[in-house]
């Protein structure tokens, strides 16, 4: 009896083993619905890139912007569309050179950077192609796009005068040129000549007023500095609060970002400075742009255009301006209260490409006058 029982158990175990073996073979043959994704036909497996027909759709972005709000925008886009955004970050120059080096093999679909001159540099180096989308053209006015739509704006910022509220009144301020007058001697703060923001500001003066007047202005800035250039724009604001100087040249969005900073010191500093938009009766305040270009060999072109459409839409622009305090390119966006308080202002009317064309001369003039 015991021997018969043992035989029966052995037969049962063998049957179970055969069933398990059969299930395993079925899974190995791809019978399971959760089978692994196969490599894309265009060889984008390394970066996770895929074609428009793949279940895992992507858009690959080379970006020289390093703002948290951009990643939040990308996340919102992914949630809305299911298209994943892969970021590769670096300086604009590095990324343009990488696009040139990679050529047709590049996996990049979009190039994003600050500064109109740099965007034009990318266009001239043939790493971009025209953007063709009625939605994007409707979202972004002509003056904030390349003339041939090789890039479109995503945000703008003004480089303005900020001042100590307890020592300076707005009626004492007028123009960029006035910052070089005797009354501001030893009271002016600005970051170094290596800053692209300052290079483009001077480049705009070359375009508007000619090289000689631009050089005179740069020399006047150096003469009136309260200290050697040091740190970024936030550091100029902090120096004002510390009494090192009374006025500084800064980008507008830094003021907004400092006011909502988690750093209590930055909030306190921002509350002590005022913002003045210069040259309202003459050439207007200097404005620069952040923009997006579709790469020349974009493999996920449709997805890339969808991302540009989202970023420049009312929804995307409202999210961007409230997160970065930059000015939206889409007039329908809902701006944060601070930007509403500043109101409308006159801006320079020059082609953004000119900022790049005059960059070398601007740098030469800064070196010549001793702008460190």
Protein backbone atom coordinates (compact mmCIF):
# COMPACT_ATOMS: atom_id res chain seq x y z
CA UNK A 1 0.00 0.00 0.00
CA UNK A 2 2.79 2.34 0.98
CA UNK A 3 4.63 1.46 -2.27
CA UNK A 4 1.54 2.28 -4.41
CA UNK A 5 1.20 5.66 -2.65
CA UNK A 6 4.82 6.55 -3.41
CA UNK A 7 4.33 5.73 -7.10
CA UNK A 8 1.22 7.90 -7.29
CA UNK A 9 3.06 10.89 -5.75
CA UNK A 10 5.91 10.50 -8.23
CA UNK A 11 3.52 10.53 -11.20
CA UNK A 12 1.80 13.67 -9.85
CA UNK A 13 5.12 15.56 -9.43
CA UNK A 14 6.17 14.64 -12.98
CA UNK A 15 2.87 16.03 -14.34
CA UNK A 16 3.31 19.31 -12.47
CA UNK A 17 6.86 19.66 -13.80
CA UNK A 18 5.66 19.21 -17.38
CA UNK A 19 2.98 21.91 -16.95
CA UNK A 20 5.47 24.41 -15.48
CA UNK A 21 7.94 23.67 -18.26
CA UNK A 22 5.27 24.30 -20.88
CA UNK A 23 4.32 27.70 -19.37
CA UNK A 24 7.96 28.76 -19.30
CA UNK A 25 8.39 27.86 -22.95
CA UNK A 26 5.29 29.87 -23.84
CA UNK A 27 6.65 32.97 -22.05
CA UNK A 28 10.04 32.64 -23.74
CA UNK A 29 8.30 32.58 -27.12
CA UNK A 30 6.58 35.90 -26.40
CA UNK A 31 3.20 34.59 -25.30
CA UNK A 32 3.13 37.02 -22.32
CA UNK A 33 1.52 40.44 -22.97
CA UNK A 34 4.27 42.23 -20.99
CA UNK A 35 7.03 41.19 -23.38
CA UNK A 36 10.08 43.50 -23.50
CA UNK A 37 10.16 46.38 -26.02
CA UNK A 38 12.28 45.67 -29.07
CA UNK A 39 14.93 48.04 -30.45
CA UNK A 40 13.63 50.79 -32.73
CA UNK A 41 14.40 50.42 -36.41
CA UNK A 42 16.38 53.67 -36.48
CA UNK A 43 18.77 52.49 -33.76
CA UNK A 44 17.65 54.81 -30.95
CA UNK A 45 17.73 52.15 -28.25
CA UNK A 46 20.59 53.75 -26.29
CA UNK A 47 18.69 56.94 -25.43
CA UNK A 48 15.27 55.36 -25.27
CA UNK A 49 14.22 57.30 -28.37
CA UNK A 50 11.45 55.92 -30.51
CA UNK A 51 9.54 56.56 -33.72
CA UNK A 52 6.06 58.00 -33.94
CA UNK A 53 4.56 54.52 -34.14
CA UNK A 54 6.23 53.17 -31.00
CA UNK A 55 4.31 52.60 -27.78
CA UNK A 56 7.02 54.55 -25.92
CA UNK A 57 7.00 57.84 -27.84
CA UNK A 58 9.73 60.37 -27.08
CA UNK A 59 11.20 63.72 -28.01
CA UNK A 60 14.91 64.36 -27.38
CA UNK A 61 15.90 67.88 -26.33
CA UNK A 62 19.35 69.47 -26.30
CA UNK A 63 18.98 72.43 -23.94
CA UNK A 64 21.20 75.22 -22.66
CA UNK A 65 18.47 76.38 -20.26
CA UNK A 66 18.85 75.05 -16.73
CA UNK A 67 15.61 76.14 -15.11
CA UNK A 68 13.40 73.90 -12.97
CA UNK A 69 10.31 75.25 -14.70
CA UNK A 70 11.44 73.70 -18.00
CA UNK A 71 11.48 70.21 -16.49
CA UNK A 72 8.04 70.89 -15.02
CA UNK A 73 6.80 71.89 -18.45
CA UNK A 74 8.20 68.71 -19.95
CA UNK A 75 6.51 66.63 -17.24
CA UNK A 76 3.18 68.35 -17.90
CA UNK A 77 3.58 67.68 -21.63
CA UNK A 78 4.30 63.99 -20.97
CA UNK A 79 1.26 63.72 -18.71
CA UNK A 80 -0.90 65.35 -21.37
CA UNK A 81 0.37 63.43 -24.41
CA UNK A 82 2.19 60.33 -23.17
CA UNK A 83 5.32 61.50 -25.02
CA UNK A 84 8.45 61.30 -22.88
CA UNK A 85 10.94 64.18 -22.99
CA UNK A 86 14.63 63.28 -22.75
CA UNK A 87 16.95 66.18 -21.84
CA UNK A 88 20.62 66.61 -22.66
CA UNK A 89 22.03 69.74 -21.00
CA UNK A 90 25.12 71.78 -21.78
CA UNK A 91 26.27 75.20 -22.93
CA UNK A 92 24.80 76.46 -26.18
CA UNK A 93 28.15 76.39 -27.94
CA UNK A 94 28.84 72.80 -26.82
CA UNK A 95 25.43 71.64 -27.98
CA UNK A 96 25.71 73.31 -31.40
CA UNK A 97 29.11 71.72 -31.91
CA UNK A 98 27.70 68.36 -30.84
CA UNK A 99 24.86 68.69 -33.35
CA UNK A 100 27.38 69.49 -36.11
CA UNK A 101 29.56 66.56 -35.12
CA UNK A 102 26.68 64.08 -34.90
CA UNK A 103 25.16 65.16 -38.21
CA UNK A 104 22.45 62.86 -39.56
CA UNK A 105 23.12 60.41 -36.75
CA UNK A 106 22.04 62.87 -34.05
CA UNK A 107 19.17 61.79 -31.84
CA UNK A 108 18.34 65.39 -30.89
CA UNK A 109 14.95 66.67 -32.02
CA UNK A 110 14.95 70.12 -30.44
CA UNK A 111 17.58 72.72 -29.51
CA UNK A 112 16.71 75.21 -26.75
CA UNK A 113 18.83 78.14 -25.61
CA UNK A 114 18.81 81.70 -24.32
CA UNK A 115 19.92 84.65 -26.46
CA UNK A 116 18.83 85.58 -29.96
CA UNK A 117 22.41 85.74 -31.17
CA UNK A 118 23.06 82.13 -30.18
CA UNK A 119 19.85 80.99 -31.87
CA UNK A 120 21.01 82.70 -35.06
CA UNK A 121 24.42 81.03 -34.63
CA UNK A 122 22.69 77.64 -34.60
CA UNK A 123 20.77 78.57 -37.74
CA UNK A 124 23.92 79.69 -39.54
CA UNK A 125 25.65 76.42 -38.64
CA UNK A 126 22.90 74.45 -40.39
CA UNK A 127 21.83 72.42 -37.35
CA UNK A 128 18.21 73.61 -37.53
CA UNK A 129 15.33 73.33 -39.99
CA UNK A 130 12.27 75.61 -40.37
CA UNK A 131 9.36 75.05 -38.01
CA UNK A 132 6.17 74.39 -39.96
CA UNK A 133 3.10 74.55 -37.73
CA UNK A 134 0.13 76.91 -37.95
CA UNK A 135 -0.47 76.53 -34.22
CA UNK A 136 3.07 77.66 -33.36
CA UNK A 137 2.94 80.57 -35.82
CA UNK A 138 -0.34 81.69 -34.23
CA UNK A 139 1.09 81.37 -30.72
CA UNK A 140 4.27 83.39 -31.32
CA UNK A 141 4.22 86.84 -32.99
CA UNK A 142 6.53 87.48 -35.93
CA UNK A 143 8.92 89.74 -33.98
CA UNK A 144 9.65 86.85 -31.60
CA UNK A 145 10.44 84.34 -34.34
CA UNK A 146 13.24 83.92 -36.84
CA UNK A 147 12.26 85.52 -40.14
CA UNK A 148 12.34 82.08 -41.77
CA UNK A 149 11.04 80.27 -38.66
CA UNK A 150 14.27 78.39 -37.99
CA UNK A 151 13.55 79.11 -34.33
CA UNK A 152 10.66 80.49 -32.31
CA UNK A 153 10.65 82.31 -28.99
CA UNK A 154 9.50 80.63 -25.80
CA UNK A 155 10.11 83.51 -23.34
CA UNK A 156 11.70 86.96 -23.13
CA UNK A 157 13.50 88.88 -20.42
CA UNK A 158 14.37 92.57 -20.08
CA UNK A 159 17.79 93.75 -18.86
CA UNK A 160 16.92 96.74 -16.74
CA UNK A 161 18.09 99.03 -13.95
CA UNK A 162 17.40 97.99 -10.36
CA UNK A 163 17.87 100.40 -7.49
CA UNK A 164 17.94 100.72 -3.71
CA UNK A 165 14.46 101.85 -2.68
CA UNK A 166 15.76 103.65 0.40
CA UNK A 167 18.43 105.65 -1.45
CA UNK A 168 17.18 106.15 -5.00
CA UNK A 169 13.86 107.33 -6.41
CA UNK A 170 12.58 106.38 -9.88
CA UNK A 171 12.64 110.03 -11.02
CA UNK A 172 16.44 109.95 -10.70
CA UNK A 173 16.62 107.26 -13.39
CA UNK A 174 16.19 107.71 -17.12
CA UNK A 175 18.40 105.75 -19.54
CA UNK A 176 21.22 103.24 -19.76
CA UNK A 177 23.38 106.10 -20.99
CA UNK A 178 22.68 108.12 -17.84
CA UNK A 179 24.29 105.39 -15.72
CA UNK A 180 27.64 106.72 -16.96
CA UNK A 181 26.99 110.26 -15.65
CA UNK A 182 28.87 111.73 -12.69
CA UNK A 183 25.97 111.27 -10.25
CA UNK A 184 26.39 107.47 -10.35
CA UNK A 185 30.17 107.45 -9.90
CA UNK A 186 31.09 104.73 -7.41
CA UNK A 187 27.46 103.59 -7.15
CA UNK A 188 27.00 101.24 -10.13
CA UNK A 189 27.05 97.43 -9.99
CA UNK A 190 27.13 94.93 -12.86
CA UNK A 191 28.40 91.41 -13.49
CA UNK A 192 31.48 90.66 -15.58
CA UNK A 193 32.08 91.16 -19.29
CA UNK A 194 32.07 87.37 -19.73
CA UNK A 195 28.32 87.41 -19.16
CA UNK A 196 26.43 86.83 -22.41
CA UNK A 197 23.68 89.07 -21.02
CA UNK A 198 26.09 92.02 -20.87
CA UNK A 199 27.66 91.18 -24.22
CA UNK A 200 24.25 91.20 -25.88
CA UNK A 201 23.29 94.43 -24.13
CA UNK A 202 26.38 96.15 -25.55
CA UNK A 203 25.77 94.48 -28.93
CA UNK A 204 22.33 96.10 -28.98
CA UNK A 205 23.95 99.51 -28.41
CA UNK A 206 26.33 98.87 -31.32
CA UNK A 207 23.33 98.16 -33.53
CA UNK A 208 21.36 101.19 -32.32
CA UNK A 209 24.07 103.81 -31.74
CA UNK A 210 27.23 102.64 -33.49
CA UNK A 211 30.56 101.32 -32.18
CA UNK A 212 31.94 104.64 -30.92
CA UNK A 213 28.99 105.44 -28.66
CA UNK A 214 28.86 101.82 -27.48
CA UNK A 215 32.53 102.02 -26.49
CA UNK A 216 31.96 105.32 -24.66
CA UNK A 217 29.10 103.76 -22.71
CA UNK A 218 31.16 100.70 -21.74
CA UNK A 219 34.01 102.96 -20.62
CA UNK A 220 31.59 105.02 -18.55
CA UNK A 221 30.25 101.89 -16.86
CA UNK A 222 33.77 100.89 -15.82
CA UNK A 223 34.44 104.41 -14.50
CA UNK A 224 31.31 104.40 -12.32
CA UNK A 225 31.59 100.90 -10.83
CA UNK A 226 31.49 100.69 -7.05
CA UNK A 227 33.57 97.48 -7.19
CA UNK A 228 35.01 95.10 -9.74
CA UNK A 229 32.33 92.91 -11.35
CA UNK A 230 31.64 89.92 -9.12
CA UNK A 231 29.05 87.15 -9.19
CA UNK A 232 25.77 86.87 -11.05
CA UNK A 233 22.71 89.11 -11.19
CA UNK A 234 21.47 88.00 -7.78
CA UNK A 235 24.81 89.05 -6.31
CA UNK A 236 24.38 92.57 -7.67
CA UNK A 237 21.02 92.81 -5.89
CA UNK A 238 22.60 91.56 -2.66
CA UNK A 239 25.36 94.16 -3.01
CA UNK A 240 22.73 96.90 -3.28
CA UNK A 241 21.06 95.66 -0.09
CA UNK A 242 24.46 95.64 1.63
CA UNK A 243 25.10 99.25 0.61
CA UNK A 244 27.97 98.44 -1.77
CA UNK A 245 26.19 100.27 -4.59
CA UNK A 246 22.91 102.03 -5.30
CA UNK A 247 22.02 100.86 -8.82
CA UNK A 248 22.68 97.73 -10.87
CA UNK A 249 21.96 96.21 -14.28
CA UNK A 250 19.94 93.00 -13.99
CA UNK A 251 17.53 90.73 -15.83
CA UNK A 252 13.95 91.22 -14.67
CA UNK A 253 13.16 87.59 -13.91
CA UNK A 254 15.78 87.38 -11.14
CA UNK A 255 13.79 89.86 -9.08
CA UNK A 256 10.66 87.73 -9.29
CA UNK A 257 12.52 84.53 -8.53
CA UNK A 258 14.19 86.09 -5.49
CA UNK A 259 10.85 87.34 -4.14
CA UNK A 260 9.49 83.77 -4.03
CA UNK A 261 12.78 82.12 -3.07
CA UNK A 262 12.98 79.57 -0.25
CA UNK A 263 16.05 81.52 0.88
CA UNK A 264 14.79 84.16 3.36
CA UNK A 265 17.83 86.35 2.64
CA UNK A 266 17.01 86.52 -1.07
CA UNK A 267 13.41 87.49 -0.31
CA UNK A 268 14.57 90.26 2.01
CA UNK A 269 17.01 91.56 -0.61
CA UNK A 270 14.39 91.55 -3.38
CA UNK A 271 12.00 93.53 -1.20
CA UNK A 272 14.61 96.30 -0.90
CA UNK A 273 15.12 96.88 -4.63
CA UNK A 274 12.99 98.52 -7.26
CA UNK A 275 12.81 97.85 -11.01
CA UNK A 276 13.13 100.59 -13.61
CA UNK A 277 12.66 100.13 -17.36
CA UNK A 278 15.09 102.56 -19.03
CA UNK A 279 15.00 104.47 -22.32
CA UNK A 280 11.22 104.65 -22.50
CA UNK A 281 11.41 107.98 -24.33
CA UNK A 282 14.20 106.85 -26.67
CA UNK A 283 15.22 103.38 -27.92
CA UNK A 284 13.41 101.25 -25.33
CA UNK A 285 14.55 98.66 -22.80
CA UNK A 286 16.87 95.90 -23.96
CA UNK A 287 15.04 92.58 -24.35
CA UNK A 288 16.54 89.19 -25.14
CA UNK A 289 14.88 85.88 -25.90
CA UNK A 290 14.90 82.19 -25.12
CA UNK A 291 13.97 80.11 -28.12
CA UNK A 292 13.43 76.65 -29.56
CA UNK A 293 14.68 75.26 -32.86
CA UNK A 294 13.77 72.02 -34.63
CA UNK A 295 17.01 70.16 -35.36
CA UNK A 296 17.99 69.50 -38.96
CA UNK A 297 17.80 65.72 -38.60
CA UNK A 298 14.99 65.34 -36.06
CA UNK A 299 13.86 61.71 -35.98
CA UNK A 300 10.79 62.43 -33.85
CA UNK A 301 9.66 65.52 -35.76
CA UNK A 302 5.94 65.22 -35.09
CA UNK A 303 6.52 64.83 -31.36
CA UNK A 304 8.97 67.74 -31.39
CA UNK A 305 6.42 70.03 -33.02
CA UNK A 306 3.82 68.94 -30.49
CA UNK A 307 6.19 69.94 -27.68
CA UNK A 308 6.82 73.38 -29.22
CA UNK A 309 3.07 73.81 -29.66
CA UNK A 310 2.51 72.98 -26.00
CA UNK A 311 5.28 75.26 -24.68
CA UNK A 312 4.00 78.20 -26.75
CA UNK A 313 0.31 77.52 -26.01
CA UNK A 314 -1.66 79.59 -23.51
CA UNK A 315 -1.43 76.73 -21.01
CA UNK A 316 2.30 76.23 -21.43
CA UNK A 317 3.10 79.93 -21.42
CA UNK A 318 1.04 80.57 -18.29
CA UNK A 319 2.88 77.78 -16.53
CA UNK A 320 6.27 79.05 -17.72
CA UNK A 321 5.85 82.72 -16.81
CA UNK A 322 4.43 81.92 -13.37
CA UNK A 323 7.33 79.58 -12.71
CA UNK A 324 10.22 81.68 -14.04
CA UNK A 325 8.94 85.29 -14.07
CA UNK A 326 10.07 85.59 -17.69
CA UNK A 327 7.75 87.41 -20.07
CA UNK A 328 5.54 85.08 -22.16
CA UNK A 329 5.67 85.14 -25.95
CA UNK A 330 1.98 84.25 -26.14
CA UNK A 331 -0.09 87.33 -25.27
CA UNK A 332 -2.97 85.14 -24.04
CA UNK A 333 -0.92 83.75 -21.12
CA UNK A 334 -1.89 84.73 -17.59
CA UNK A 335 1.10 86.55 -16.11
CA UNK A 336 2.07 86.58 -12.42
CA UNK A 337 1.00 89.59 -10.37
CA UNK A 338 4.50 91.10 -10.28
CA UNK A 339 4.71 91.31 -14.06
CA UNK A 340 1.23 92.84 -14.15
CA UNK A 341 2.40 95.49 -11.69
CA UNK A 342 5.33 96.37 -13.93
CA UNK A 343 2.90 96.89 -16.80
CA UNK A 344 3.72 97.39 -20.45
CA UNK A 345 6.98 98.99 -21.51
CA UNK A 346 8.75 100.07 -24.68
CA UNK A 347 11.39 97.64 -25.96
CA UNK A 348 14.27 97.93 -28.41
CA UNK A 349 13.18 97.13 -31.95
CA UNK A 350 16.14 95.26 -33.39
CA UNK A 351 16.58 91.89 -35.05
CA UNK A 352 17.73 89.40 -32.41
CA UNK A 353 20.23 88.03 -34.92
CA UNK A 354 22.15 91.31 -34.60
CA UNK A 355 23.09 90.39 -31.04
CA UNK A 356 25.15 87.54 -32.41
CA UNK A 357 26.56 89.51 -35.32
CA UNK A 358 27.91 92.19 -32.97
CA UNK A 359 29.01 89.84 -30.17
CA UNK A 360 32.67 89.72 -31.17
CA UNK A 361 32.93 93.50 -31.43
CA UNK A 362 31.11 93.94 -28.11
CA UNK A 363 33.59 91.62 -26.41
CA UNK A 364 36.51 93.49 -27.97
CA UNK A 365 35.18 96.82 -26.73
CA UNK A 366 34.70 95.48 -23.20
CA UNK A 367 38.28 94.23 -23.13
CA UNK A 368 39.52 97.51 -24.56
CA UNK A 369 37.93 99.65 -21.82
CA UNK A 370 38.91 97.29 -19.00
CA UNK A 371 35.50 95.81 -18.20
CA UNK A 372 36.64 92.78 -16.23
